[in-house]
Amino acid sequence: MATKAMIRCARTILMLLFLPLMACTGGALSNDRSAIRGVYSAQTAISDHPHHVLIGHVIIADRGTTRAHALVISQRRDGVHRLNFDAAWRDGVMLSFRNEHGTGCTHGHCRDAPVGMILLSAPLFHAAQAQGLTARLTGPSGAIDIFAPAALFNEAAARAVDMAPDDLV
């Protein structure tokens, strides 16, 4: 279960993520005003839905002594309709999901619309490093199954190795 500090950190991170400061290849982020620093993986398709393409990337971000891990989800604009989800589920357990209805561009271009993010506990993040993350997004748009491969989580973890002191939680 996510702590309140992790959720506050994740909300601030979410605001930063949808600014055009990242590329599709992964990298680092920081914001001196909010004292957030972090890394992100490359983007990859995470659904095989016949009508909608969902793209995902993994972030690891620190604020003070709090570390947040998240799978950020966006929708490739497809001319059908904008997706809206309010929950994410894994093996019958509701995950910590924050939806995003913003209209801004992501990653420096306007092909993708933000959908939201799944905030991951440290144990769930480590499990995803080994086996990837399978989840079902649900809400007014119905249900779409997603799978984020382990490589995304491992890429973000590798980028974060030199990022923070050992006292982060």
Protein backbone atom coordinates (compact mmCIF):
# COMPACT_ATOMS: atom_id res chain seq x y z
CA MET A 1 0.00 0.00 0.00
CA ALA A 2 1.33 3.42 -0.88
CA THR A 3 2.17 5.83 1.91
CA LYS A 4 0.83 9.39 1.94
CA ALA A 5 4.35 10.72 1.32
CA MET A 6 4.72 8.45 -1.72
CA ILE A 7 1.36 9.61 -3.07
CA ARG A 8 2.27 13.30 -2.60
CA CYS A 9 5.60 12.68 -4.32
CA ALA A 10 3.87 10.79 -7.13
CA ARG A 11 1.34 13.59 -7.70
CA THR A 12 4.13 16.11 -8.10
CA ILE A 13 5.99 13.70 -10.37
CA LEU A 14 2.90 13.28 -12.52
CA MET A 15 2.75 17.02 -13.09
CA LEU A 16 6.38 17.00 -14.20
CA LEU A 17 5.98 14.00 -16.46
CA PHE A 18 3.62 15.61 -18.84
CA LEU A 19 5.93 18.53 -19.56
CA PRO A 20 7.84 18.25 -22.83
CA LEU A 21 11.17 17.53 -21.20
CA MET A 22 11.62 13.84 -21.90
CA ALA A 23 12.49 11.84 -24.98
CA CYS A 24 11.27 8.41 -26.00
CA THR A 25 14.68 6.96 -25.18
CA GLY A 26 14.73 7.45 -21.41
CA GLY A 27 16.82 9.76 -19.27
CA ALA A 28 16.75 11.89 -16.14
CA LEU A 29 14.51 14.60 -14.74
CA SER A 30 14.83 17.16 -12.00
CA ASN A 31 13.00 20.19 -10.67
CA ASP A 32 14.89 22.35 -8.20
CA ARG A 33 11.74 24.19 -6.99
CA SER A 34 10.01 20.98 -5.94
CA ALA A 35 13.26 19.16 -5.03
CA ILE A 36 12.31 16.20 -7.21
CA ARG A 37 14.88 14.26 -9.16
CA GLY A 38 14.50 11.04 -11.01
CA VAL A 39 14.96 8.86 -14.03
CA TYR A 40 12.68 7.33 -16.63
CA SER A 41 12.84 4.46 -19.07
CA ALA A 42 12.15 4.44 -22.77
CA GLN A 43 8.55 4.18 -23.88
CA THR A 44 7.06 0.99 -25.28
CA ALA A 45 3.63 -0.31 -26.28
CA ILE A 46 2.02 -2.02 -23.29
CA SER A 47 -1.31 -3.18 -24.72
CA ASP A 48 -2.40 -5.22 -27.70
CA HIS A 49 -5.94 -3.85 -27.79
CA PRO A 50 -7.27 -3.90 -31.37
CA HIS A 51 -8.48 -0.27 -31.30
CA HIS A 52 -6.21 1.60 -28.88
CA VAL A 53 -2.46 1.78 -28.41
CA LEU A 54 -1.28 2.36 -24.86
CA ILE A 55 2.32 3.39 -24.31
CA GLY A 56 4.16 3.03 -21.00
CA HIS A 57 7.39 4.06 -19.38
CA VAL A 58 8.71 3.60 -15.85
CA ILE A 59 9.87 6.38 -13.56
CA ILE A 60 11.81 6.38 -10.32
CA ALA A 61 11.81 9.70 -8.53
CA ASP A 62 13.07 11.00 -5.20
CA ARG A 63 11.82 13.88 -3.11
CA GLY A 64 13.71 14.27 0.12
CA THR A 65 13.92 10.81 1.64
CA THR A 66 10.91 9.45 -0.25
CA ARG A 67 11.26 7.38 -3.39
CA ALA A 68 8.40 6.72 -5.79
CA HIS A 69 8.22 4.11 -8.55
CA ALA A 70 5.53 4.32 -11.20
CA LEU A 71 4.41 3.02 -14.55
CA VAL A 72 3.24 6.05 -16.54
CA ILE A 73 0.62 5.29 -19.18
CA SER A 74 -0.34 7.34 -22.22
CA GLN A 75 -2.58 6.74 -25.22
CA ARG A 76 -1.40 7.13 -28.78
CA ARG A 77 -3.98 9.40 -30.37
CA ASP A 78 -5.91 7.16 -32.72
CA GLY A 79 -8.88 9.21 -33.89
CA VAL A 80 -11.34 6.96 -32.06
CA HIS A 81 -11.86 8.45 -28.60
CA ARG A 82 -9.95 9.48 -25.54
CA LEU A 83 -9.65 6.72 -22.94
CA ASN A 84 -10.65 7.30 -19.33
CA PHE A 85 -9.75 4.86 -16.55
CA ASP A 86 -10.18 5.18 -12.80
CA ALA A 87 -8.61 1.97 -11.51
CA ALA A 88 -5.89 -0.57 -12.16
CA TRP A 89 -6.08 -4.17 -11.02
CA ARG A 90 -3.52 -6.98 -10.71
CA ASP A 91 -4.56 -10.49 -9.71
CA GLY A 92 -7.82 -9.20 -8.21
CA VAL A 93 -6.04 -6.53 -6.13
CA MET A 94 -6.62 -2.83 -6.79
CA LEU A 95 -3.35 -1.00 -7.45
CA SER A 96 -2.62 2.61 -6.58
CA PHE A 97 -3.72 4.37 -9.79
CA ARG A 98 -3.99 8.06 -10.54
CA ASN A 99 -5.78 9.01 -13.72
CA GLU A 100 -4.84 12.02 -15.80
CA HIS A 101 -7.25 13.94 -17.99
CA GLY A 102 -4.85 16.66 -19.09
CA THR A 103 -4.79 17.83 -22.66
CA GLY A 104 -1.10 18.65 -22.86
CA CYS A 105 1.50 17.01 -25.02
CA THR A 106 3.88 14.40 -23.67
CA HIS A 107 7.52 13.78 -24.52
CA GLY A 108 7.80 16.92 -26.65
CA HIS A 109 5.14 15.97 -29.18
CA CYS A 110 1.38 15.75 -29.34
CA ARG A 111 0.84 12.17 -30.51
CA ASP A 112 0.16 10.85 -27.01
CA ALA A 113 -2.48 11.79 -24.46
CA PRO A 114 -1.83 11.12 -20.77
CA VAL A 115 -3.95 8.36 -19.24
CA GLY A 116 -2.44 8.07 -15.75
CA MET A 117 0.04 6.16 -13.70
CA ILE A 118 0.27 3.13 -11.47
CA LEU A 119 2.23 3.91 -8.32
CA LEU A 120 4.29 0.87 -7.33
CA SER A 121 5.45 -0.13 -3.87
CA ALA A 122 9.12 -1.16 -3.65
CA PRO A 123 8.20 -4.90 -3.44
CA LEU A 124 5.88 -4.64 -6.47
CA PHE A 125 8.56 -2.73 -8.39
CA HIS A 126 11.13 -5.43 -7.61
CA ALA A 127 8.68 -8.15 -8.69
CA ALA A 128 8.09 -6.24 -11.95
CA GLN A 129 11.86 -6.19 -12.54
CA ALA A 130 11.75 -9.99 -12.59
CA GLN A 131 8.49 -10.67 -14.42
CA GLY A 132 7.12 -7.41 -15.79
CA LEU A 133 3.78 -6.00 -14.71
CA THR A 134 0.42 -7.27 -15.91
CA ALA A 135 -2.62 -5.21 -14.99
CA ARG A 136 -6.14 -4.39 -16.11
CA LEU A 137 -7.21 -0.76 -16.42
CA THR A 138 -10.93 -0.21 -15.79
CA GLY A 139 -13.28 2.73 -15.88
CA PRO A 140 -15.76 4.57 -18.10
CA SER A 141 -13.82 3.41 -21.19
CA GLY A 142 -14.24 -0.25 -20.26
CA ALA A 143 -11.32 -2.54 -19.51
CA ILE A 144 -7.95 -2.87 -21.22
CA ASP A 145 -5.27 -5.33 -20.22
CA ILE A 146 -1.68 -4.07 -20.19
CA PHE A 147 1.72 -5.68 -19.84
CA ALA A 148 4.86 -3.66 -19.11
CA PRO A 149 7.94 -5.81 -19.73
CA ALA A 150 10.60 -6.33 -17.07
CA ALA A 151 13.10 -4.52 -19.30
CA LEU A 152 11.36 -1.17 -18.61
CA PHE A 153 11.69 -1.60 -14.85
CA ASN A 154 15.29 -2.77 -15.14
CA GLU A 155 16.22 0.15 -17.40
CA ALA A 156 14.81 2.65 -14.90
CA ALA A 157 16.54 0.86 -12.00
CA ALA A 158 19.87 0.92 -13.85
CA ARG A 159 19.51 4.65 -14.49
CA ALA A 160 18.71 5.22 -10.79
CA VAL A 161 21.79 3.41 -9.39
CA ASP A 162 23.79 6.58 -8.78
CA MET A 163 20.79 8.79 -8.10
CA ALA A 164 20.15 8.63 -4.38
CA PRO A 165 21.57 7.89 -0.96
CA ASP A 166 20.84 4.61 0.78
CA ASP A 167 18.36 6.12 3.27
CA LEU A 168 15.49 6.36 0.78
CA VAL A 169 12.34 4.36 1.44
